[in-house]
Amino acid sequence: MSHWKIQVTSVTPDPLTDDQRAALTTALPGFPAIADNSATRGLTIEFTVEATTQAAAVRAASRAITDASREALGEVLPFLGIRAGRGDREPVAVVPELVGYIEIALVLGKMSRQRARELAENHEDFPAPVSRLASGPVFTLASVLEFSANWERRSGRPPKAS
């Protein structure tokens, strides 16, 4: 068995309260650390797991974050990506950090899934999806964050299509 450093990237509609952070920290293995990124409504959770392979470490991390968030928050915390590093090595992305319409809505700022879909389909600067699954298109988190940084958000409802 090896010691694996895990970093989980998540996005939440609202920042975690101090009580939620404490409960999540208590429920995770190792010595967890939680870092907020208010600009992206993102959350990075770092903890350790014991596993023989990277694949086993990722499975253990997925179970750990799911179980801990269910216990601490009363619901499963959605996560966008997992990074893993054996021993003292820096964690590296196991798969690209991906988002769908619901996560895009959270990243762009408490909008509806429908508004996120409309932006993705109609805004000329919105990034192209990297894949289309039966559940809908999937985008890289990095491309959505880049769009968000340059997007001029306008208040009010968008004009109706004619």
N, C-alpha and C. Protein backbone atom coordinates (compact mmCIF):
# COMPACT_ATOMS: atom_id res chain seq x y z
N MET A 1 0.84 -1.19 0.00
CA MET A 1 0.00 0.00 0.00
C MET A 1 0.88 1.24 0.00
N SER A 2 0.44 2.24 -0.75
CA SER A 2 1.15 3.52 -0.80
C SER A 2 0.26 4.63 -0.29
N HIS A 3 0.90 5.66 0.14
CA HIS A 3 0.22 6.87 0.60
C HIS A 3 0.03 7.76 -0.64
N TRP A 4 -1.21 8.20 -0.89
CA TRP A 4 -1.52 9.05 -2.05
C TRP A 4 -2.08 10.38 -1.57
N LYS A 5 -1.52 11.48 -2.09
CA LYS A 5 -2.06 12.81 -1.83
C LYS A 5 -3.12 13.07 -2.90
N ILE A 6 -4.32 13.41 -2.44
CA ILE A 6 -5.45 13.60 -3.34
C ILE A 6 -5.92 15.05 -3.27
N GLN A 7 -6.23 15.63 -4.42
CA GLN A 7 -6.87 16.95 -4.49
C GLN A 7 -8.15 16.79 -5.29
N VAL A 8 -9.26 17.17 -4.68
CA VAL A 8 -10.56 17.10 -5.33
C VAL A 8 -11.02 18.53 -5.61
N THR A 9 -11.42 18.79 -6.84
CA THR A 9 -11.96 20.10 -7.21
C THR A 9 -13.47 20.02 -7.24
N SER A 10 -14.12 20.96 -6.57
CA SER A 10 -15.57 20.99 -6.51
C SER A 10 -16.05 22.41 -6.76
N VAL A 11 -17.33 22.54 -6.95
CA VAL A 11 -17.95 23.86 -7.08
C VAL A 11 -19.25 23.80 -6.30
N THR A 12 -19.53 24.85 -5.52
CA THR A 12 -20.71 24.87 -4.67
C THR A 12 -21.52 26.13 -4.94
N PRO A 13 -22.84 26.06 -4.77
CA PRO A 13 -23.65 27.26 -5.00
C PRO A 13 -23.35 28.35 -3.98
N ASP A 14 -23.02 27.96 -2.76
CA ASP A 14 -22.69 28.91 -1.69
C ASP A 14 -21.43 28.41 -0.99
N PRO A 15 -20.63 29.33 -0.47
CA PRO A 15 -19.45 28.89 0.28
C PRO A 15 -19.86 28.03 1.47
N LEU A 16 -18.99 27.11 1.86
CA LEU A 16 -19.25 26.30 3.03
C LEU A 16 -19.19 27.16 4.28
N THR A 17 -20.05 26.87 5.23
CA THR A 17 -19.99 27.56 6.53
C THR A 17 -18.82 26.96 7.32
N ASP A 18 -18.43 27.64 8.38
CA ASP A 18 -17.36 27.11 9.23
C ASP A 18 -17.74 25.75 9.80
N ASP A 19 -19.01 25.60 10.20
CA ASP A 19 -19.46 24.31 10.72
C ASP A 19 -19.40 23.21 9.66
N GLN A 20 -19.79 23.52 8.43
CA GLN A 20 -19.72 22.54 7.35
C GLN A 20 -18.28 22.15 7.05
N ARG A 21 -17.39 23.14 7.03
CA ARG A 21 -15.96 22.88 6.78
C ARG A 21 -15.40 21.96 7.86
N ALA A 22 -15.74 22.26 9.12
CA ALA A 22 -15.25 21.45 10.24
C ALA A 22 -15.77 20.02 10.15
N ALA A 23 -17.06 19.87 9.83
CA ALA A 23 -17.65 18.53 9.73
C ALA A 23 -17.03 17.75 8.57
N LEU A 24 -16.80 18.40 7.46
CA LEU A 24 -16.20 17.74 6.30
C LEU A 24 -14.75 17.35 6.61
N THR A 25 -14.02 18.24 7.25
CA THR A 25 -12.64 17.95 7.63
C THR A 25 -12.57 16.75 8.56
N THR A 26 -13.48 16.68 9.51
CA THR A 26 -13.52 15.56 10.46
C THR A 26 -13.86 14.24 9.76
N ALA A 27 -14.70 14.29 8.75
CA ALA A 27 -15.17 13.08 8.09
C ALA A 27 -14.19 12.52 7.05
N LEU A 28 -13.20 13.31 6.62
CA LEU A 28 -12.26 12.86 5.60
C LEU A 28 -11.03 12.19 6.22
N PRO A 29 -10.40 11.26 5.49
CA PRO A 29 -9.21 10.59 6.02
C PRO A 29 -7.98 11.49 5.96
N GLY A 30 -6.95 11.11 6.70
CA GLY A 30 -5.69 11.85 6.69
C GLY A 30 -5.84 13.17 7.41
N PHE A 31 -5.11 14.17 6.95
CA PHE A 31 -5.16 15.51 7.52
C PHE A 31 -5.68 16.45 6.44
N PRO A 32 -7.01 16.50 6.27
CA PRO A 32 -7.57 17.25 5.14
C PRO A 32 -7.39 18.76 5.27
N ALA A 33 -7.32 19.39 4.11
CA ALA A 33 -7.29 20.85 4.02
C ALA A 33 -8.31 21.25 2.97
N ILE A 34 -9.03 22.33 3.25
CA ILE A 34 -10.04 22.82 2.32
C ILE A 34 -9.72 24.26 1.97
N ALA A 35 -9.60 24.55 0.67
CA ALA A 35 -9.30 25.91 0.21
C ALA A 35 -10.43 26.39 -0.68
N ASP A 36 -10.93 27.60 -0.41
CA ASP A 36 -11.98 28.20 -1.23
C ASP A 36 -11.36 29.10 -2.28
N ASN A 37 -11.99 29.14 -3.45
CA ASN A 37 -11.63 30.11 -4.46
C ASN A 37 -12.91 30.87 -4.79
N SER A 38 -13.12 32.00 -4.13
CA SER A 38 -14.38 32.73 -4.27
C SER A 38 -14.61 33.24 -5.69
N ALA A 39 -13.54 33.46 -6.45
CA ALA A 39 -13.70 33.96 -7.82
C ALA A 39 -14.41 32.95 -8.71
N THR A 40 -14.19 31.66 -8.44
CA THR A 40 -14.79 30.62 -9.29
C THR A 40 -15.85 29.82 -8.56
N ARG A 41 -16.15 30.20 -7.31
CA ARG A 41 -17.07 29.44 -6.46
C ARG A 41 -16.55 28.01 -6.29
N GLY A 42 -15.24 27.88 -6.45
CA GLY A 42 -14.63 26.57 -6.38
C GLY A 42 -14.12 26.24 -5.01
N LEU A 43 -13.83 24.98 -4.86
CA LEU A 43 -13.37 24.44 -3.60
C LEU A 43 -12.33 23.38 -3.94
N THR A 44 -11.18 23.43 -3.29
CA THR A 44 -10.19 22.37 -3.45
C THR A 44 -10.04 21.69 -2.10
N ILE A 45 -10.22 20.39 -2.09
CA ILE A 45 -10.14 19.61 -0.86
C ILE A 45 -8.96 18.66 -1.02
N GLU A 46 -8.02 18.75 -0.10
CA GLU A 46 -6.84 17.90 -0.17
C GLU A 46 -6.84 16.95 1.03
N PHE A 47 -6.62 15.67 0.76
CA PHE A 47 -6.55 14.67 1.82
C PHE A 47 -5.72 13.50 1.32
N THR A 48 -5.53 12.50 2.15
CA THR A 48 -4.71 11.36 1.76
C THR A 48 -5.53 10.07 1.82
N VAL A 49 -5.13 9.14 0.98
CA VAL A 49 -5.72 7.80 1.00
C VAL A 49 -4.57 6.79 0.87
N GLU A 50 -4.84 5.57 1.25
CA GLU A 50 -3.89 4.48 1.08
C GLU A 50 -4.41 3.58 -0.04
N ALA A 51 -3.55 3.27 -1.00
CA ALA A 51 -3.96 2.43 -2.13
C ALA A 51 -2.72 1.86 -2.80
N THR A 52 -2.91 0.81 -3.59
CA THR A 52 -1.79 0.17 -4.28
C THR A 52 -1.50 0.81 -5.64
N THR A 53 -2.53 1.34 -6.31
CA THR A 53 -2.36 1.92 -7.64
C THR A 53 -3.07 3.27 -7.71
N GLN A 54 -2.76 4.03 -8.74
CA GLN A 54 -3.44 5.31 -8.93
C GLN A 54 -4.94 5.11 -9.11
N ALA A 55 -5.33 4.11 -9.87
CA ALA A 55 -6.76 3.85 -10.09
C ALA A 55 -7.45 3.53 -8.76
N ALA A 56 -6.81 2.73 -7.93
CA ALA A 56 -7.39 2.40 -6.63
C ALA A 56 -7.45 3.63 -5.74
N ALA A 57 -6.45 4.50 -5.83
CA ALA A 57 -6.44 5.74 -5.05
C ALA A 57 -7.58 6.66 -5.47
N VAL A 58 -7.82 6.74 -6.76
CA VAL A 58 -8.92 7.58 -7.26
C VAL A 58 -10.27 7.02 -6.81
N ARG A 59 -10.45 5.70 -6.89
CA ARG A 59 -11.69 5.09 -6.41
C ARG A 59 -11.89 5.35 -4.92
N ALA A 60 -10.81 5.18 -4.14
CA ALA A 60 -10.89 5.42 -2.69
C ALA A 60 -11.20 6.89 -2.41
N ALA A 61 -10.60 7.80 -3.16
CA ALA A 61 -10.86 9.23 -2.98
C ALA A 61 -12.30 9.58 -3.32
N SER A 62 -12.81 9.01 -4.40
CA SER A 62 -14.19 9.26 -4.81
C SER A 62 -15.16 8.79 -3.73
N ARG A 63 -14.91 7.59 -3.21
CA ARG A 63 -15.77 7.08 -2.12
C ARG A 63 -15.64 7.96 -0.88
N ALA A 64 -14.41 8.35 -0.55
CA ALA A 64 -14.18 9.14 0.66
C ALA A 64 -14.89 10.49 0.59
N ILE A 65 -14.78 11.19 -0.54
CA ILE A 65 -15.41 12.52 -0.64
C ILE A 65 -16.93 12.38 -0.69
N THR A 66 -17.42 11.34 -1.34
CA THR A 66 -18.87 11.11 -1.40
C THR A 66 -19.43 10.80 -0.02
N ASP A 67 -18.78 9.86 0.69
CA ASP A 67 -19.25 9.48 2.03
C ASP A 67 -19.12 10.64 3.02
N ALA A 68 -17.99 11.34 2.97
CA ALA A 68 -17.76 12.44 3.92
C ALA A 68 -18.73 13.59 3.68
N SER A 69 -19.00 13.92 2.42
CA SER A 69 -19.93 15.03 2.15
C SER A 69 -21.36 14.64 2.52
N ARG A 70 -21.72 13.38 2.29
CA ARG A 70 -23.04 12.92 2.67
C ARG A 70 -23.21 13.02 4.19
N GLU A 71 -22.17 12.60 4.92
CA GLU A 71 -22.21 12.65 6.39
C GLU A 71 -22.16 14.09 6.90
N ALA A 72 -21.29 14.91 6.35
CA ALA A 72 -21.07 16.26 6.87
C ALA A 72 -22.07 17.29 6.37
N LEU A 73 -22.50 17.14 5.12
CA LEU A 73 -23.35 18.15 4.50
C LEU A 73 -24.78 17.68 4.26
N GLY A 74 -25.01 16.38 4.40
CA GLY A 74 -26.34 15.84 4.16
C GLY A 74 -26.63 15.60 2.69
N GLU A 75 -25.64 15.81 1.83
CA GLU A 75 -25.79 15.58 0.39
C GLU A 75 -24.41 15.33 -0.22
N VAL A 76 -24.41 14.77 -1.40
CA VAL A 76 -23.15 14.49 -2.08
C VAL A 76 -22.63 15.79 -2.69
N LEU A 77 -21.39 16.10 -2.39
CA LEU A 77 -20.73 17.27 -2.94
C LEU A 77 -20.27 16.93 -4.35
N PRO A 78 -20.77 17.64 -5.36
CA PRO A 78 -20.33 17.31 -6.72
C PRO A 78 -18.85 17.67 -6.88
N PHE A 79 -18.11 16.83 -7.58
CA PHE A 79 -16.71 17.19 -7.83
C PHE A 79 -16.42 17.09 -9.32
N LEU A 80 -15.50 17.95 -9.77
CA LEU A 80 -15.22 18.11 -11.18
C LEU A 80 -13.96 17.40 -11.62
N GLY A 81 -13.09 17.13 -10.67
CA GLY A 81 -11.84 16.47 -11.02
C GLY A 81 -11.11 15.99 -9.80
N ILE A 82 -10.25 15.01 -10.01
CA ILE A 82 -9.42 14.47 -8.95
C ILE A 82 -7.97 14.46 -9.45
N ARG A 83 -7.09 14.95 -8.61
CA ARG A 83 -5.65 14.87 -8.87
C ARG A 83 -5.06 13.92 -7.84
N ALA A 84 -4.07 13.15 -8.25
CA ALA A 84 -3.46 12.18 -7.34
C ALA A 84 -1.95 12.19 -7.50
N GLY A 85 -1.25 12.09 -6.36
CA GLY A 85 0.20 12.01 -6.36
C GLY A 85 0.66 11.01 -5.32
N ARG A 86 1.52 10.10 -5.71
CA ARG A 86 2.02 9.07 -4.78
C ARG A 86 3.08 9.67 -3.87
N GLY A 87 2.96 9.36 -2.59
CA GLY A 87 3.96 9.82 -1.63
C GLY A 87 4.02 11.33 -1.55
N ASP A 88 5.23 11.87 -1.73
CA ASP A 88 5.42 13.31 -1.64
C ASP A 88 5.31 14.01 -2.99
N ARG A 89 4.99 13.27 -4.04
CA ARG A 89 4.87 13.89 -5.37
C ARG A 89 3.64 14.78 -5.43
N GLU A 90 3.75 15.86 -6.19
CA GLU A 90 2.60 16.75 -6.38
C GLU A 90 1.51 16.01 -7.14
N PRO A 91 0.27 16.17 -6.72
CA PRO A 91 -0.83 15.52 -7.45
C PRO A 91 -0.94 16.04 -8.88
N VAL A 92 -1.24 15.13 -9.79
CA VAL A 92 -1.46 15.48 -11.19
C VAL A 92 -2.87 15.06 -11.58
N ALA A 93 -3.40 15.74 -12.58
CA ALA A 93 -4.75 15.44 -13.04
C ALA A 93 -4.84 14.01 -13.54
N VAL A 94 -5.82 13.31 -13.05
CA VAL A 94 -6.06 11.94 -13.49
C VAL A 94 -6.88 11.98 -14.77
N VAL A 95 -7.83 12.87 -14.81
CA VAL A 95 -8.64 13.14 -15.99
C VAL A 95 -8.86 14.65 -16.04
N PRO A 96 -9.21 15.19 -17.19
CA PRO A 96 -9.49 16.63 -17.24
C PRO A 96 -10.66 17.00 -16.33
N GLU A 97 -10.62 18.20 -15.78
CA GLU A 97 -11.72 18.67 -14.96
C GLU A 97 -12.84 19.11 -15.90
N LEU A 98 -13.97 18.41 -15.80
CA LEU A 98 -15.06 18.60 -16.75
C LEU A 98 -16.30 19.16 -16.07
N VAL A 99 -17.10 19.89 -16.85
CA VAL A 99 -18.34 20.46 -16.34
C VAL A 99 -19.46 20.31 -17.37
N GLY A 100 -20.69 20.24 -16.83
CA GLY A 100 -21.89 20.27 -17.65
C GLY A 100 -22.65 21.55 -17.34
N TYR A 101 -23.88 21.64 -17.79
CA TYR A 101 -24.65 22.87 -17.62
C TYR A 101 -24.86 23.28 -16.17
N ILE A 102 -25.11 22.32 -15.29
CA ILE A 102 -25.36 22.66 -13.88
C ILE A 102 -24.10 23.27 -13.26
N GLU A 103 -22.94 22.68 -13.52
CA GLU A 103 -21.70 23.21 -12.98
C GLU A 103 -21.36 24.56 -13.60
N ILE A 104 -21.64 24.72 -14.89
CA ILE A 104 -21.41 26.01 -15.55
C ILE A 104 -22.25 27.08 -14.87
N ALA A 105 -23.51 26.76 -14.57
CA ALA A 105 -24.39 27.72 -13.90
C ALA A 105 -23.80 28.14 -12.56
N LEU A 106 -23.21 27.22 -11.82
CA LEU A 106 -22.59 27.55 -10.54
C LEU A 106 -21.34 28.40 -10.72
N VAL A 107 -20.50 28.02 -11.67
CA VAL A 107 -19.25 28.75 -11.91
C VAL A 107 -19.55 30.18 -12.36
N LEU A 108 -20.54 30.34 -13.21
CA LEU A 108 -20.85 31.68 -13.74
C LEU A 108 -21.68 32.52 -12.79
N GLY A 109 -22.20 31.93 -11.74
CA GLY A 109 -22.83 32.75 -10.73
C GLY A 109 -24.31 32.61 -10.54
N LYS A 110 -24.70 31.52 -9.94
CA LYS A 110 -26.09 31.32 -9.53
C LYS A 110 -27.09 31.66 -10.62
N MET A 111 -26.92 31.06 -11.73
CA MET A 111 -27.92 31.18 -12.79
C MET A 111 -28.58 29.82 -12.96
N SER A 112 -29.64 29.78 -13.68
CA SER A 112 -30.32 28.51 -13.89
C SER A 112 -29.54 27.65 -14.89
N ARG A 113 -29.81 26.36 -14.83
CA ARG A 113 -29.23 25.43 -15.79
C ARG A 113 -29.64 25.82 -17.21
N GLN A 114 -30.89 26.28 -17.35
CA GLN A 114 -31.39 26.67 -18.66
C GLN A 114 -30.63 27.88 -19.21
N ARG A 115 -30.32 28.85 -18.34
CA ARG A 115 -29.57 30.03 -18.77
C ARG A 115 -28.15 29.62 -19.16
N ALA A 116 -27.55 28.71 -18.41
CA ALA A 116 -26.21 28.22 -18.74
C ALA A 116 -26.23 27.53 -20.11
N ARG A 117 -27.26 26.75 -20.35
CA ARG A 117 -27.38 26.07 -21.64
C ARG A 117 -27.53 27.08 -22.77
N GLU A 118 -28.36 28.09 -22.54
CA GLU A 118 -28.55 29.13 -23.56
C GLU A 118 -27.24 29.84 -23.88
N LEU A 119 -26.48 30.19 -22.86
CA LEU A 119 -25.18 30.83 -23.07
C LEU A 119 -24.26 29.92 -23.87
N ALA A 120 -24.18 28.66 -23.46
CA ALA A 120 -23.29 27.71 -24.13
C ALA A 120 -23.66 27.52 -25.60
N GLU A 121 -24.93 27.53 -25.88
CA GLU A 121 -25.38 27.28 -27.26
C GLU A 121 -25.37 28.54 -28.13
N ASN A 122 -25.53 29.72 -27.52
CA ASN A 122 -25.73 30.92 -28.33
C ASN A 122 -24.64 31.98 -28.25
N HIS A 123 -23.82 31.97 -27.22
CA HIS A 123 -22.79 33.01 -27.10
C HIS A 123 -21.61 32.66 -27.98
N GLU A 124 -21.25 33.57 -28.86
CA GLU A 124 -20.20 33.26 -29.84
C GLU A 124 -18.83 32.99 -29.22
N ASP A 125 -18.58 33.49 -28.02
CA ASP A 125 -17.29 33.27 -27.38
C ASP A 125 -17.27 32.09 -26.41
N PHE A 126 -18.41 31.43 -26.24
CA PHE A 126 -18.43 30.30 -25.31
C PHE A 126 -17.63 29.15 -25.90
N PRO A 127 -16.84 28.46 -25.07
CA PRO A 127 -16.01 27.37 -25.61
C PRO A 127 -16.84 26.21 -26.14
N ALA A 128 -16.25 25.51 -27.07
CA ALA A 128 -16.91 24.32 -27.64
C ALA A 128 -16.82 23.17 -26.63
N PRO A 129 -17.82 22.30 -26.63
CA PRO A 129 -17.74 21.13 -25.75
C PRO A 129 -16.64 20.19 -26.21
N VAL A 130 -16.06 19.47 -25.26
CA VAL A 130 -15.03 18.48 -25.61
C VAL A 130 -15.64 17.13 -25.91
N SER A 131 -16.91 16.96 -25.50
CA SER A 131 -17.61 15.72 -25.77
C SER A 131 -19.11 15.96 -25.64
N ARG A 132 -19.89 15.12 -26.30
CA ARG A 132 -21.34 15.15 -26.14
C ARG A 132 -21.77 13.76 -25.70
N LEU A 133 -22.28 13.70 -24.47
CA LEU A 133 -22.75 12.45 -23.91
C LEU A 133 -24.27 12.41 -24.00
N ALA A 134 -24.86 11.30 -23.63
CA ALA A 134 -26.32 11.22 -23.63
C ALA A 134 -26.92 12.24 -22.67
N SER A 135 -26.19 12.60 -21.61
CA SER A 135 -26.68 13.59 -20.65
C SER A 135 -26.46 15.02 -21.11
N GLY A 136 -25.73 15.21 -22.21
CA GLY A 136 -25.51 16.55 -22.75
C GLY A 136 -24.04 16.83 -23.00
N PRO A 137 -23.73 18.04 -23.47
CA PRO A 137 -22.34 18.37 -23.77
C PRO A 137 -21.52 18.52 -22.49
N VAL A 138 -20.22 18.29 -22.63
CA VAL A 138 -19.28 18.40 -21.53
C VAL A 138 -18.18 19.36 -21.96
N PHE A 139 -17.78 20.24 -21.06
CA PHE A 139 -16.78 21.27 -21.33
C PHE A 139 -15.64 21.13 -20.33
N THR A 140 -14.46 21.64 -20.68
CA THR A 140 -13.39 21.65 -19.68
C THR A 140 -13.64 22.81 -18.73
N LEU A 141 -13.34 22.59 -17.47
CA LEU A 141 -13.49 23.65 -16.48
C LEU A 141 -12.60 24.83 -16.84
N ALA A 142 -11.39 24.56 -17.31
CA ALA A 142 -10.46 25.65 -17.66
C ALA A 142 -11.05 26.56 -18.74
N SER A 143 -11.69 25.98 -19.75
CA SER A 143 -12.26 26.81 -20.82
C SER A 143 -13.44 27.65 -20.32
N VAL A 144 -14.23 27.09 -19.41
CA VAL A 144 -15.37 27.84 -18.86
C VAL A 144 -14.86 28.96 -17.95
N LEU A 145 -13.80 28.69 -17.18
CA LEU A 145 -13.22 29.73 -16.33
C LEU A 145 -12.63 30.86 -17.17
N GLU A 146 -12.01 30.51 -18.28
CA GLU A 146 -11.47 31.54 -19.18
C GLU A 146 -12.61 32.38 -19.75
N PHE A 147 -13.68 31.74 -20.18
CA PHE A 147 -14.85 32.48 -20.66
C PHE A 147 -15.38 33.41 -19.57
N SER A 148 -15.50 32.89 -18.36
CA SER A 148 -16.02 33.66 -17.24
C SER A 148 -15.19 34.90 -16.97
N ALA A 149 -13.87 34.78 -17.08
CA ALA A 149 -12.97 35.91 -16.81
C ALA A 149 -13.14 37.04 -17.82
N ASN A 150 -13.56 36.70 -19.03
CA ASN A 150 -13.69 37.70 -20.10
C ASN A 150 -15.12 38.09 -20.42
N TRP A 151 -16.08 37.42 -19.81
CA TRP A 151 -17.49 37.61 -20.13
C TRP A 151 -18.03 38.88 -19.49
N GLU A 152 -18.69 39.70 -20.27
CA GLU A 152 -19.35 40.90 -19.76
C GLU A 152 -20.78 40.52 -19.43
N ARG A 153 -21.01 40.31 -18.17
CA ARG A 153 -22.34 39.90 -17.71
C ARG A 153 -23.26 41.11 -17.70
N ARG A 154 -24.45 40.92 -18.22
CA ARG A 154 -25.45 41.99 -18.22
C ARG A 154 -26.58 41.58 -17.30
N SER A 155 -27.05 42.53 -16.52
CA SER A 155 -28.15 42.21 -15.61
C SER A 155 -29.47 42.16 -16.37
N GLY A 156 -30.44 41.52 -15.74
CA GLY A 156 -31.74 41.40 -16.38
C GLY A 156 -31.84 40.18 -17.27
N ARG A 157 -33.01 40.00 -17.81
CA ARG A 157 -33.25 38.86 -18.70
C ARG A 157 -32.66 39.12 -20.07
N PRO A 158 -32.17 38.07 -20.71
CA PRO A 158 -31.70 38.23 -22.08
C PRO A 158 -32.89 38.47 -23.00
N PRO A 159 -32.66 39.17 -24.13
CA PRO A 159 -33.77 39.42 -25.05
C PRO A 159 -34.29 38.12 -25.65
N LYS A 160 -35.60 38.08 -25.91
CA LYS A 160 -36.18 36.88 -26.53
C LYS A 160 -35.74 36.77 -27.98
N ALA A 161 -35.51 35.54 -28.38
CA ALA A 161 -35.13 35.29 -29.78
C ALA A 161 -36.35 35.53 -30.65
N SER A 162 -36.11 36.11 -31.81
CA SER A 162 -37.24 36.40 -32.70
C SER A 162 -37.46 35.30 -33.70
